[in-house]
N, C-alpha and C. Protein backbone atom coordinates (compact mmCIF):
# COMPACT_ATOMS: atom_id res chain seq x y z
N MET A 1 0.85 -1.17 0.00
CA MET A 1 0.00 0.00 0.00
C MET A 1 0.90 1.24 0.00
N LEU A 2 0.43 2.27 -0.66
CA LEU A 2 1.17 3.51 -0.70
C LEU A 2 0.90 4.31 0.57
N PRO A 3 1.78 5.26 0.90
CA PRO A 3 1.56 6.07 2.10
C PRO A 3 0.24 6.83 2.02
N PRO A 4 -0.45 7.00 3.15
CA PRO A 4 -1.76 7.68 3.15
C PRO A 4 -1.70 9.13 2.66
N GLU A 5 -0.55 9.78 2.80
CA GLU A 5 -0.43 11.17 2.36
C GLU A 5 -0.68 11.31 0.87
N LEU A 6 -0.43 10.25 0.11
CA LEU A 6 -0.63 10.33 -1.33
C LEU A 6 -2.11 10.48 -1.68
N GLY A 7 -2.98 10.12 -0.79
CA GLY A 7 -4.42 10.27 -1.02
C GLY A 7 -4.86 11.71 -1.09
N THR A 8 -4.04 12.61 -0.59
CA THR A 8 -4.39 14.03 -0.63
C THR A 8 -3.79 14.73 -1.84
N LEU A 9 -3.16 14.00 -2.73
CA LEU A 9 -2.59 14.58 -3.94
C LEU A 9 -3.68 15.28 -4.75
N GLN A 10 -3.39 16.46 -5.20
CA GLN A 10 -4.30 17.17 -6.08
C GLN A 10 -3.63 17.48 -7.42
N ASP A 11 -2.32 17.56 -7.40
CA ASP A 11 -1.60 17.97 -8.59
C ASP A 11 -0.38 17.10 -8.75
N PRO A 12 -0.06 16.55 -9.83
CA PRO A 12 -0.89 16.54 -11.03
C PRO A 12 -2.08 15.60 -10.86
N GLU A 13 -3.17 15.96 -11.47
CA GLU A 13 -4.42 15.24 -11.31
C GLU A 13 -4.31 13.79 -11.78
N ASP A 14 -3.52 13.54 -12.84
CA ASP A 14 -3.35 12.18 -13.36
C ASP A 14 -2.83 11.24 -12.28
N GLN A 15 -1.84 11.69 -11.53
CA GLN A 15 -1.25 10.84 -10.50
C GLN A 15 -2.23 10.60 -9.36
N ALA A 16 -2.97 11.62 -8.99
CA ALA A 16 -3.96 11.47 -7.92
C ALA A 16 -5.05 10.49 -8.35
N THR A 17 -5.51 10.59 -9.58
CA THR A 17 -6.54 9.69 -10.09
C THR A 17 -6.04 8.25 -10.14
N GLU A 18 -4.84 8.07 -10.63
CA GLU A 18 -4.27 6.72 -10.70
C GLU A 18 -4.11 6.14 -9.30
N TYR A 19 -3.67 6.94 -8.35
CA TYR A 19 -3.53 6.48 -6.97
C TYR A 19 -4.88 6.02 -6.43
N MET A 20 -5.93 6.81 -6.67
CA MET A 20 -7.26 6.44 -6.19
C MET A 20 -7.76 5.17 -6.87
N HIS A 21 -7.40 4.98 -8.13
CA HIS A 21 -7.78 3.75 -8.81
C HIS A 21 -7.10 2.54 -8.16
N TYR A 22 -5.85 2.67 -7.79
CA TYR A 22 -5.15 1.56 -7.13
C TYR A 22 -5.74 1.29 -5.75
N ARG A 23 -6.09 2.34 -5.03
CA ARG A 23 -6.73 2.15 -3.71
C ARG A 23 -8.05 1.41 -3.86
N GLN A 24 -8.81 1.78 -4.88
CA GLN A 24 -10.09 1.11 -5.13
C GLN A 24 -9.85 -0.38 -5.42
N PHE A 25 -8.87 -0.67 -6.25
CA PHE A 25 -8.54 -2.06 -6.59
C PHE A 25 -8.13 -2.85 -5.34
N PHE A 26 -7.24 -2.29 -4.54
CA PHE A 26 -6.78 -3.02 -3.35
C PHE A 26 -7.91 -3.19 -2.34
N GLY A 27 -8.84 -2.26 -2.30
CA GLY A 27 -10.01 -2.42 -1.44
C GLY A 27 -10.86 -3.61 -1.87
N VAL A 28 -11.08 -3.75 -3.17
CA VAL A 28 -11.84 -4.88 -3.70
C VAL A 28 -11.10 -6.19 -3.39
N TRP A 29 -9.81 -6.19 -3.63
CA TRP A 29 -9.00 -7.40 -3.40
C TRP A 29 -9.06 -7.82 -1.93
N GLU A 30 -9.01 -6.85 -1.04
CA GLU A 30 -9.10 -7.14 0.39
C GLU A 30 -10.47 -7.70 0.76
N THR A 31 -11.52 -7.19 0.14
CA THR A 31 -12.86 -7.71 0.40
C THR A 31 -12.98 -9.15 -0.06
N PHE A 32 -12.38 -9.47 -1.20
CA PHE A 32 -12.38 -10.87 -1.66
C PHE A 32 -11.71 -11.77 -0.61
N ALA A 33 -10.60 -11.31 -0.06
CA ALA A 33 -9.90 -12.10 0.96
C ALA A 33 -10.77 -12.28 2.20
N ARG A 34 -11.50 -11.24 2.58
CA ARG A 34 -12.39 -11.33 3.74
C ARG A 34 -13.54 -12.30 3.49
N VAL A 35 -14.04 -12.36 2.26
CA VAL A 35 -15.10 -13.32 1.92
C VAL A 35 -14.58 -14.74 2.10
N VAL A 36 -13.38 -15.01 1.61
CA VAL A 36 -12.79 -16.35 1.72
C VAL A 36 -12.57 -16.71 3.19
N GLU A 37 -12.08 -15.75 3.98
CA GLU A 37 -11.87 -15.99 5.41
C GLU A 37 -13.18 -16.30 6.12
N CYS A 38 -14.21 -15.56 5.79
CA CYS A 38 -15.52 -15.76 6.41
C CYS A 38 -16.09 -17.12 6.00
N GLN A 39 -15.94 -17.46 4.74
CA GLN A 39 -16.44 -18.76 4.27
C GLN A 39 -15.77 -19.91 5.03
N ALA A 40 -14.49 -19.76 5.33
CA ALA A 40 -13.75 -20.80 6.05
C ALA A 40 -14.21 -20.95 7.49
N LEU A 41 -14.90 -19.96 8.03
CA LEU A 41 -15.37 -20.02 9.41
C LEU A 41 -16.61 -20.89 9.59
N GLU A 42 -17.25 -21.25 8.49
CA GLU A 42 -18.45 -22.09 8.59
C GLU A 42 -18.07 -23.47 9.12
N GLN A 43 -18.80 -23.91 10.11
CA GLN A 43 -18.57 -25.22 10.73
C GLN A 43 -19.88 -25.99 10.75
N PRO A 44 -19.84 -27.29 10.48
CA PRO A 44 -21.08 -28.08 10.49
C PRO A 44 -21.76 -28.11 11.86
N GLN A 45 -21.00 -28.00 12.93
CA GLN A 45 -21.57 -28.10 14.27
C GLN A 45 -22.04 -26.76 14.84
N MET A 46 -22.16 -25.72 14.01
CA MET A 46 -22.65 -24.42 14.49
C MET A 46 -24.09 -24.56 14.98
N ASN A 47 -24.40 -23.87 16.08
CA ASN A 47 -25.81 -23.85 16.50
C ASN A 47 -26.56 -22.86 15.62
N LYS A 48 -27.86 -22.86 15.73
CA LYS A 48 -28.72 -22.05 14.84
C LYS A 48 -28.39 -20.56 14.92
N GLU A 49 -28.21 -20.07 16.13
CA GLU A 49 -27.93 -18.65 16.34
C GLU A 49 -26.58 -18.25 15.71
N THR A 50 -25.58 -19.07 15.92
CA THR A 50 -24.26 -18.81 15.36
C THR A 50 -24.29 -18.88 13.84
N ARG A 51 -25.02 -19.86 13.30
CA ARG A 51 -25.12 -19.99 11.84
C ARG A 51 -25.80 -18.77 11.22
N VAL A 52 -26.85 -18.27 11.86
CA VAL A 52 -27.55 -17.09 11.34
C VAL A 52 -26.61 -15.88 11.35
N ALA A 53 -25.85 -15.70 12.43
CA ALA A 53 -24.90 -14.59 12.51
C ALA A 53 -23.82 -14.73 11.44
N TRP A 54 -23.31 -15.95 11.29
CA TRP A 54 -22.28 -16.20 10.27
C TRP A 54 -22.84 -15.91 8.88
N LEU A 55 -24.04 -16.39 8.59
CA LEU A 55 -24.64 -16.19 7.27
C LEU A 55 -24.86 -14.71 6.98
N ASN A 56 -25.27 -13.95 7.98
CA ASN A 56 -25.44 -12.50 7.78
C ASN A 56 -24.11 -11.82 7.46
N ASP A 57 -23.06 -12.21 8.17
CA ASP A 57 -21.73 -11.66 7.87
C ASP A 57 -21.28 -12.04 6.46
N TYR A 58 -21.47 -13.30 6.13
CA TYR A 58 -21.07 -13.84 4.82
C TYR A 58 -21.83 -13.11 3.71
N LYS A 59 -23.14 -12.97 3.86
CA LYS A 59 -23.96 -12.26 2.88
C LYS A 59 -23.48 -10.82 2.71
N GLY A 60 -23.22 -10.16 3.83
CA GLY A 60 -22.78 -8.76 3.79
C GLY A 60 -21.46 -8.59 3.06
N LEU A 61 -20.53 -9.49 3.32
CA LEU A 61 -19.23 -9.42 2.65
C LEU A 61 -19.35 -9.68 1.15
N ILE A 62 -20.16 -10.66 0.79
CA ILE A 62 -20.34 -10.96 -0.64
C ILE A 62 -21.01 -9.78 -1.33
N GLU A 63 -22.00 -9.19 -0.70
CA GLU A 63 -22.68 -8.04 -1.29
C GLU A 63 -21.71 -6.87 -1.45
N GLN A 64 -20.87 -6.65 -0.45
CA GLN A 64 -19.88 -5.58 -0.55
C GLN A 64 -18.89 -5.88 -1.67
N ALA A 65 -18.44 -7.11 -1.78
CA ALA A 65 -17.51 -7.49 -2.85
C ALA A 65 -18.16 -7.27 -4.21
N ARG A 66 -19.42 -7.65 -4.34
CA ARG A 66 -20.13 -7.49 -5.61
C ARG A 66 -20.29 -6.02 -5.97
N GLU A 67 -20.74 -5.22 -5.01
CA GLU A 67 -20.93 -3.79 -5.28
C GLU A 67 -19.62 -3.09 -5.61
N ASP A 68 -18.58 -3.36 -4.82
CA ASP A 68 -17.28 -2.70 -5.04
C ASP A 68 -16.67 -3.12 -6.37
N THR A 69 -16.80 -4.39 -6.72
CA THR A 69 -16.24 -4.87 -7.98
C THR A 69 -16.98 -4.26 -9.16
N ILE A 70 -18.29 -4.23 -9.09
CA ILE A 70 -19.07 -3.65 -10.19
C ILE A 70 -18.77 -2.16 -10.32
N LYS A 71 -18.60 -1.49 -9.21
CA LYS A 71 -18.24 -0.07 -9.27
C LYS A 71 -16.90 0.11 -9.99
N LEU A 72 -15.92 -0.72 -9.65
CA LEU A 72 -14.61 -0.64 -10.31
C LEU A 72 -14.74 -0.97 -11.79
N LEU A 73 -15.51 -2.00 -12.13
CA LEU A 73 -15.63 -2.43 -13.52
C LEU A 73 -16.38 -1.41 -14.38
N THR A 74 -17.27 -0.66 -13.78
CA THR A 74 -18.09 0.27 -14.57
C THR A 74 -17.55 1.70 -14.56
N THR A 75 -16.37 1.88 -14.01
CA THR A 75 -15.70 3.18 -14.11
C THR A 75 -14.51 3.01 -15.03
N ASP A 76 -13.90 4.07 -15.39
CA ASP A 76 -12.74 4.01 -16.28
C ASP A 76 -11.49 3.71 -15.49
N TRP A 77 -11.44 2.52 -14.91
CA TRP A 77 -10.32 2.13 -14.06
C TRP A 77 -9.04 2.07 -14.88
N LEU A 78 -8.07 2.89 -14.51
CA LEU A 78 -6.77 2.99 -15.16
C LEU A 78 -6.86 3.34 -16.64
N THR A 79 -7.85 4.15 -16.99
CA THR A 79 -7.95 4.64 -18.37
C THR A 79 -8.17 6.14 -18.34
N SER A 80 -9.03 6.66 -19.16
CA SER A 80 -9.40 8.06 -19.31
C SER A 80 -8.27 8.90 -19.88
N GLU A 81 -8.07 10.11 -19.34
CA GLU A 81 -7.08 11.03 -19.91
C GLU A 81 -5.64 10.52 -19.81
N LEU A 82 -5.42 9.56 -18.95
CA LEU A 82 -4.06 9.04 -18.79
C LEU A 82 -3.53 8.53 -20.12
N GLU A 83 -4.41 7.97 -20.93
CA GLU A 83 -3.98 7.42 -22.21
C GLU A 83 -3.53 8.52 -23.16
N VAL A 84 -4.20 9.65 -23.11
CA VAL A 84 -3.91 10.73 -24.04
C VAL A 84 -2.66 11.50 -23.62
N LYS A 85 -2.52 11.78 -22.34
CA LYS A 85 -1.46 12.66 -21.87
C LYS A 85 -0.11 11.98 -21.70
N ASN A 86 -0.09 10.69 -21.52
CA ASN A 86 1.16 10.01 -21.23
C ASN A 86 1.71 9.30 -22.46
N SER A 87 2.88 8.81 -22.33
CA SER A 87 3.57 8.16 -23.44
C SER A 87 2.89 6.84 -23.81
N ASP A 88 3.26 6.35 -24.98
CA ASP A 88 2.73 5.06 -25.44
C ASP A 88 3.13 3.94 -24.50
N ARG A 89 4.34 4.02 -23.97
CA ARG A 89 4.80 2.97 -23.06
C ARG A 89 3.93 2.92 -21.81
N ARG A 90 3.61 4.07 -21.25
CA ARG A 90 2.77 4.12 -20.05
C ARG A 90 1.37 3.59 -20.36
N ARG A 91 0.84 3.97 -21.51
CA ARG A 91 -0.48 3.50 -21.91
C ARG A 91 -0.47 1.98 -22.05
N ARG A 92 0.57 1.42 -22.64
CA ARG A 92 0.69 -0.04 -22.78
C ARG A 92 0.78 -0.72 -21.41
N ASP A 93 1.51 -0.08 -20.49
CA ASP A 93 1.61 -0.63 -19.13
C ASP A 93 0.23 -0.70 -18.47
N LEU A 94 -0.53 0.38 -18.60
CA LEU A 94 -1.87 0.41 -17.99
C LEU A 94 -2.81 -0.61 -18.64
N VAL A 95 -2.71 -0.75 -19.95
CA VAL A 95 -3.52 -1.76 -20.65
C VAL A 95 -3.15 -3.15 -20.17
N ARG A 96 -1.86 -3.40 -20.00
CA ARG A 96 -1.40 -4.72 -19.52
C ARG A 96 -1.91 -4.98 -18.10
N ILE A 97 -1.90 -3.97 -17.26
CA ILE A 97 -2.41 -4.13 -15.89
C ILE A 97 -3.91 -4.45 -15.94
N ARG A 98 -4.64 -3.73 -16.77
CA ARG A 98 -6.08 -4.02 -16.92
C ARG A 98 -6.30 -5.44 -17.43
N GLN A 99 -5.52 -5.85 -18.41
CA GLN A 99 -5.69 -7.20 -18.98
C GLN A 99 -5.31 -8.29 -18.00
N THR A 100 -4.53 -7.96 -17.01
CA THR A 100 -4.18 -8.93 -15.98
C THR A 100 -5.25 -9.01 -14.92
N TYR A 101 -5.74 -7.87 -14.44
CA TYR A 101 -6.59 -7.86 -13.26
C TYR A 101 -8.09 -7.79 -13.52
N ILE A 102 -8.53 -7.17 -14.60
CA ILE A 102 -9.97 -7.11 -14.87
C ILE A 102 -10.54 -8.52 -15.04
N PRO A 103 -9.96 -9.37 -15.89
CA PRO A 103 -10.49 -10.74 -15.99
C PRO A 103 -10.44 -11.49 -14.66
N GLU A 104 -9.38 -11.29 -13.91
CA GLU A 104 -9.25 -11.97 -12.62
C GLU A 104 -10.35 -11.52 -11.66
N LEU A 105 -10.64 -10.23 -11.62
CA LEU A 105 -11.71 -9.72 -10.75
C LEU A 105 -13.07 -10.28 -11.18
N ILE A 106 -13.32 -10.30 -12.46
CA ILE A 106 -14.60 -10.80 -12.98
C ILE A 106 -14.77 -12.27 -12.63
N ILE A 107 -13.76 -13.07 -12.89
CA ILE A 107 -13.85 -14.51 -12.65
C ILE A 107 -13.92 -14.80 -11.15
N ARG A 108 -13.18 -14.06 -10.35
CA ARG A 108 -13.26 -14.28 -8.89
C ARG A 108 -14.64 -13.93 -8.35
N LEU A 109 -15.18 -12.80 -8.77
CA LEU A 109 -16.52 -12.42 -8.31
C LEU A 109 -17.53 -13.47 -8.76
N HIS A 110 -17.44 -13.86 -10.00
CA HIS A 110 -18.35 -14.88 -10.53
C HIS A 110 -18.27 -16.17 -9.70
N SER A 111 -17.07 -16.60 -9.39
CA SER A 111 -16.88 -17.83 -8.60
C SER A 111 -17.45 -17.70 -7.20
N ILE A 112 -17.22 -16.57 -6.57
CA ILE A 112 -17.76 -16.34 -5.22
C ILE A 112 -19.28 -16.41 -5.25
N LEU A 113 -19.87 -15.77 -6.25
CA LEU A 113 -21.33 -15.76 -6.35
C LEU A 113 -21.89 -17.16 -6.61
N VAL A 114 -21.30 -17.87 -7.54
CA VAL A 114 -21.80 -19.21 -7.88
C VAL A 114 -21.57 -20.18 -6.73
N ASN A 115 -20.42 -20.11 -6.09
CA ASN A 115 -20.12 -21.04 -5.00
C ASN A 115 -20.96 -20.80 -3.76
N SER A 116 -21.52 -19.62 -3.61
CA SER A 116 -22.34 -19.31 -2.44
C SER A 116 -23.83 -19.50 -2.70
N ARG A 117 -24.19 -19.98 -3.88
CA ARG A 117 -25.59 -20.08 -4.28
C ARG A 117 -26.43 -20.99 -3.38
N SER A 118 -25.81 -22.00 -2.77
CA SER A 118 -26.60 -22.90 -1.93
C SER A 118 -27.04 -22.23 -0.62
N ARG A 119 -26.29 -21.22 -0.19
CA ARG A 119 -26.64 -20.50 1.03
C ARG A 119 -27.37 -19.19 0.74
N ILE A 120 -27.03 -18.58 -0.38
CA ILE A 120 -27.63 -17.29 -0.77
C ILE A 120 -28.15 -17.48 -2.20
N HIS A 121 -29.40 -17.85 -2.31
CA HIS A 121 -29.97 -18.30 -3.59
C HIS A 121 -29.92 -17.24 -4.68
N GLU A 122 -30.04 -15.96 -4.33
CA GLU A 122 -30.05 -14.91 -5.35
C GLU A 122 -28.68 -14.68 -5.99
N ASN A 123 -27.63 -15.28 -5.44
CA ASN A 123 -26.29 -15.05 -5.99
C ASN A 123 -26.10 -15.66 -7.37
N ILE A 124 -26.83 -16.71 -7.70
CA ILE A 124 -26.73 -17.25 -9.06
C ILE A 124 -27.27 -16.22 -10.06
N LYS A 125 -28.32 -15.52 -9.66
CA LYS A 125 -28.88 -14.45 -10.50
C LYS A 125 -27.85 -13.32 -10.66
N HIS A 126 -27.19 -12.95 -9.57
CA HIS A 126 -26.16 -11.90 -9.64
C HIS A 126 -24.99 -12.33 -10.53
N ALA A 127 -24.62 -13.60 -10.46
CA ALA A 127 -23.52 -14.10 -11.30
C ALA A 127 -23.89 -14.01 -12.78
N LEU A 128 -25.13 -14.35 -13.09
CA LEU A 128 -25.55 -14.28 -14.49
C LEU A 128 -25.78 -12.85 -14.94
N SER A 129 -26.10 -11.95 -14.04
CA SER A 129 -26.25 -10.53 -14.38
C SER A 129 -24.90 -9.88 -14.67
N LEU A 130 -23.86 -10.42 -14.09
CA LEU A 130 -22.50 -9.91 -14.34
C LEU A 130 -22.14 -10.02 -15.82
N VAL A 131 -22.70 -11.00 -16.49
CA VAL A 131 -22.44 -11.19 -17.92
C VAL A 131 -22.82 -9.94 -18.70
N ASN A 132 -23.94 -9.31 -18.33
CA ASN A 132 -24.38 -8.10 -19.03
C ASN A 132 -23.38 -6.97 -18.89
N ILE A 133 -22.75 -6.87 -17.74
CA ILE A 133 -21.76 -5.82 -17.52
C ILE A 133 -20.52 -6.09 -18.36
N VAL A 134 -20.10 -7.35 -18.39
CA VAL A 134 -18.92 -7.72 -19.19
C VAL A 134 -19.18 -7.48 -20.67
N ALA A 135 -20.39 -7.74 -21.13
CA ALA A 135 -20.71 -7.61 -22.56
C ALA A 135 -21.09 -6.18 -22.96
N ASP A 136 -21.30 -5.30 -22.01
CA ASP A 136 -21.75 -3.93 -22.29
C ASP A 136 -20.67 -3.14 -23.04
N SER A 137 -21.04 -2.57 -24.17
CA SER A 137 -20.07 -1.84 -24.99
C SER A 137 -19.63 -0.53 -24.35
N ARG A 138 -20.34 -0.04 -23.34
CA ARG A 138 -19.90 1.18 -22.65
C ARG A 138 -18.62 0.93 -21.87
N TYR A 139 -18.49 -0.27 -21.32
CA TYR A 139 -17.35 -0.58 -20.44
C TYR A 139 -16.24 -1.33 -21.18
N ARG A 140 -16.59 -2.03 -22.24
CA ARG A 140 -15.63 -2.76 -23.08
C ARG A 140 -14.71 -3.69 -22.26
N LEU A 141 -15.28 -4.33 -21.26
CA LEU A 141 -14.50 -5.24 -20.41
C LEU A 141 -14.02 -6.46 -21.19
N TYR A 142 -14.76 -6.84 -22.20
CA TYR A 142 -14.36 -7.98 -23.03
C TYR A 142 -13.03 -7.74 -23.71
N ASP A 143 -12.67 -6.48 -23.94
CA ASP A 143 -11.37 -6.16 -24.54
C ASP A 143 -10.21 -6.49 -23.60
N ASP A 144 -10.49 -6.52 -22.30
CA ASP A 144 -9.44 -6.78 -21.32
C ASP A 144 -9.11 -8.25 -21.16
N PHE A 145 -9.93 -9.12 -21.75
CA PHE A 145 -9.62 -10.54 -21.74
C PHE A 145 -8.63 -10.80 -22.86
N SER A 146 -7.39 -10.96 -22.49
CA SER A 146 -6.33 -11.15 -23.46
C SER A 146 -6.33 -12.60 -23.94
N SER A 147 -6.02 -12.78 -25.20
CA SER A 147 -5.94 -14.15 -25.71
C SER A 147 -4.55 -14.73 -25.48
N GLN A 148 -3.68 -13.94 -24.92
CA GLN A 148 -2.33 -14.42 -24.66
C GLN A 148 -2.24 -14.94 -23.24
N ASP A 149 -1.21 -14.60 -22.52
CA ASP A 149 -1.04 -15.09 -21.15
C ASP A 149 -2.24 -14.70 -20.30
N GLY A 150 -2.53 -15.52 -19.33
CA GLY A 150 -3.60 -15.19 -18.39
C GLY A 150 -4.96 -15.70 -18.82
N ARG A 151 -5.98 -15.04 -18.32
CA ARG A 151 -7.35 -15.49 -18.52
C ARG A 151 -7.86 -15.07 -19.90
N ARG A 152 -8.58 -15.97 -20.52
CA ARG A 152 -9.18 -15.68 -21.81
C ARG A 152 -10.69 -15.59 -21.63
N LEU A 153 -11.34 -14.97 -22.58
CA LEU A 153 -12.78 -14.83 -22.53
C LEU A 153 -13.45 -16.20 -22.51
N GLY A 154 -12.85 -17.16 -23.18
CA GLY A 154 -13.39 -18.53 -23.17
C GLY A 154 -13.44 -19.13 -21.78
N ASP A 155 -12.47 -18.80 -20.93
CA ASP A 155 -12.48 -19.27 -19.54
C ASP A 155 -13.71 -18.73 -18.81
N TYR A 156 -13.98 -17.46 -19.00
CA TYR A 156 -15.13 -16.84 -18.35
C TYR A 156 -16.44 -17.42 -18.90
N LEU A 157 -16.52 -17.59 -20.21
CA LEU A 157 -17.74 -18.13 -20.78
C LEU A 157 -17.99 -19.56 -20.32
N GLY A 158 -16.92 -20.33 -20.10
CA GLY A 158 -17.07 -21.67 -19.53
C GLY A 158 -17.64 -21.61 -18.13
N ALA A 159 -17.20 -20.63 -17.34
CA ALA A 159 -17.72 -20.45 -15.98
C ALA A 159 -19.19 -20.01 -16.03
N VAL A 160 -19.55 -19.18 -17.00
CA VAL A 160 -20.93 -18.75 -17.16
C VAL A 160 -21.81 -19.95 -17.53
N ARG A 161 -21.31 -20.81 -18.39
CA ARG A 161 -22.04 -22.02 -18.77
C ARG A 161 -22.34 -22.86 -17.52
N GLN A 162 -21.35 -23.01 -16.65
CA GLN A 162 -21.56 -23.78 -15.43
C GLN A 162 -22.60 -23.10 -14.53
N ALA A 163 -22.62 -21.77 -14.52
CA ALA A 163 -23.61 -21.05 -13.72
C ALA A 163 -25.01 -21.26 -14.27
N VAL A 164 -25.15 -21.27 -15.58
CA VAL A 164 -26.46 -21.52 -16.20
C VAL A 164 -26.93 -22.92 -15.82
N LEU A 165 -26.04 -23.89 -15.89
CA LEU A 165 -26.40 -25.26 -15.50
C LEU A 165 -26.78 -25.31 -14.02
N ALA A 166 -26.07 -24.57 -13.19
CA ALA A 166 -26.41 -24.53 -11.77
C ALA A 166 -27.77 -23.88 -11.56
N GLY A 167 -28.11 -22.93 -12.40
CA GLY A 167 -29.43 -22.29 -12.32
C GLY A 167 -30.56 -23.25 -12.65
N LEU A 168 -30.27 -24.28 -13.43
CA LEU A 168 -31.26 -25.29 -13.77
C LEU A 168 -31.46 -26.31 -12.66
N GLU A 169 -30.60 -26.29 -11.65
CA GLU A 169 -30.69 -27.26 -10.56
C GLU A 169 -32.02 -27.20 -9.84
N GLY A 170 -32.63 -26.03 -9.78
CA GLY A 170 -33.88 -25.87 -9.06
C GLY A 170 -35.08 -26.48 -9.77
N GLY A 171 -34.88 -27.03 -10.93
CA GLY A 171 -35.98 -27.64 -11.69
C GLY A 171 -36.41 -26.76 -12.83
N GLY A 172 -37.06 -27.36 -13.77
CA GLY A 172 -37.53 -26.63 -14.94
C GLY A 172 -36.49 -26.65 -16.05
N SER A 173 -36.94 -26.33 -17.23
CA SER A 173 -36.03 -26.39 -18.38
C SER A 173 -35.69 -25.02 -18.92
N ASP A 174 -36.23 -23.97 -18.31
CA ASP A 174 -35.98 -22.62 -18.78
C ASP A 174 -34.68 -22.10 -18.16
N PRO A 175 -33.61 -21.93 -18.97
CA PRO A 175 -32.34 -21.48 -18.40
C PRO A 175 -32.37 -20.03 -17.90
N PHE A 176 -33.38 -19.27 -18.29
CA PHE A 176 -33.46 -17.88 -17.86
C PHE A 176 -34.39 -17.70 -16.66
N ARG A 177 -35.00 -18.78 -16.19
CA ARG A 177 -35.90 -18.72 -15.05
C ARG A 177 -35.21 -18.14 -13.83
N VAL A 178 -33.96 -18.48 -13.64
CA VAL A 178 -33.22 -18.03 -12.47
C VAL A 178 -33.09 -16.50 -12.44
N LEU A 179 -33.11 -15.88 -13.61
CA LEU A 179 -32.99 -14.42 -13.68
C LEU A 179 -34.26 -13.70 -13.21
N SER A 180 -35.38 -14.39 -13.27
CA SER A 180 -36.64 -13.76 -12.89
C SER A 180 -37.04 -14.07 -11.45
N LEU A 181 -36.29 -14.88 -10.77
CA LEU A 181 -36.62 -15.24 -9.37
C LEU A 181 -36.21 -14.16 -8.42
């Protein structure tokens, strides 16, 4: 983490904006870690009261992770004027960072939502709604799935396929039924 004093940067604006983008990213990453830690606290021998408290904490963390991730994905994270004002090398560096972490954030959020569906039934709907954000031409997140090293769009689409199949677990043959529940 960078020193807290950097959060008060006003000039140059590019550096302050980039710093805030990194803080936003690390906040999301930390929330993902907290979700995993909370999930690990579940024990089969929990009494009813403890299980309800745990489930409320777990739900809250997943909701925070979902909201924070979607906020990051729907803003111009590490883009905007930085591309125009800085050198080509810097622009390529930022694109490479996006191509590394945007797919990872999307797939991690998707996995958290799908894996928690047995305890929080609406999360399968949230996982399938994430597809619309990835496909939205305003955000162009699909461009960040590199076909080279790292995650490819095919990996994400395979995970979406599994989520659709999981949505059919409740019965019925309509794969979109889960979206209307």
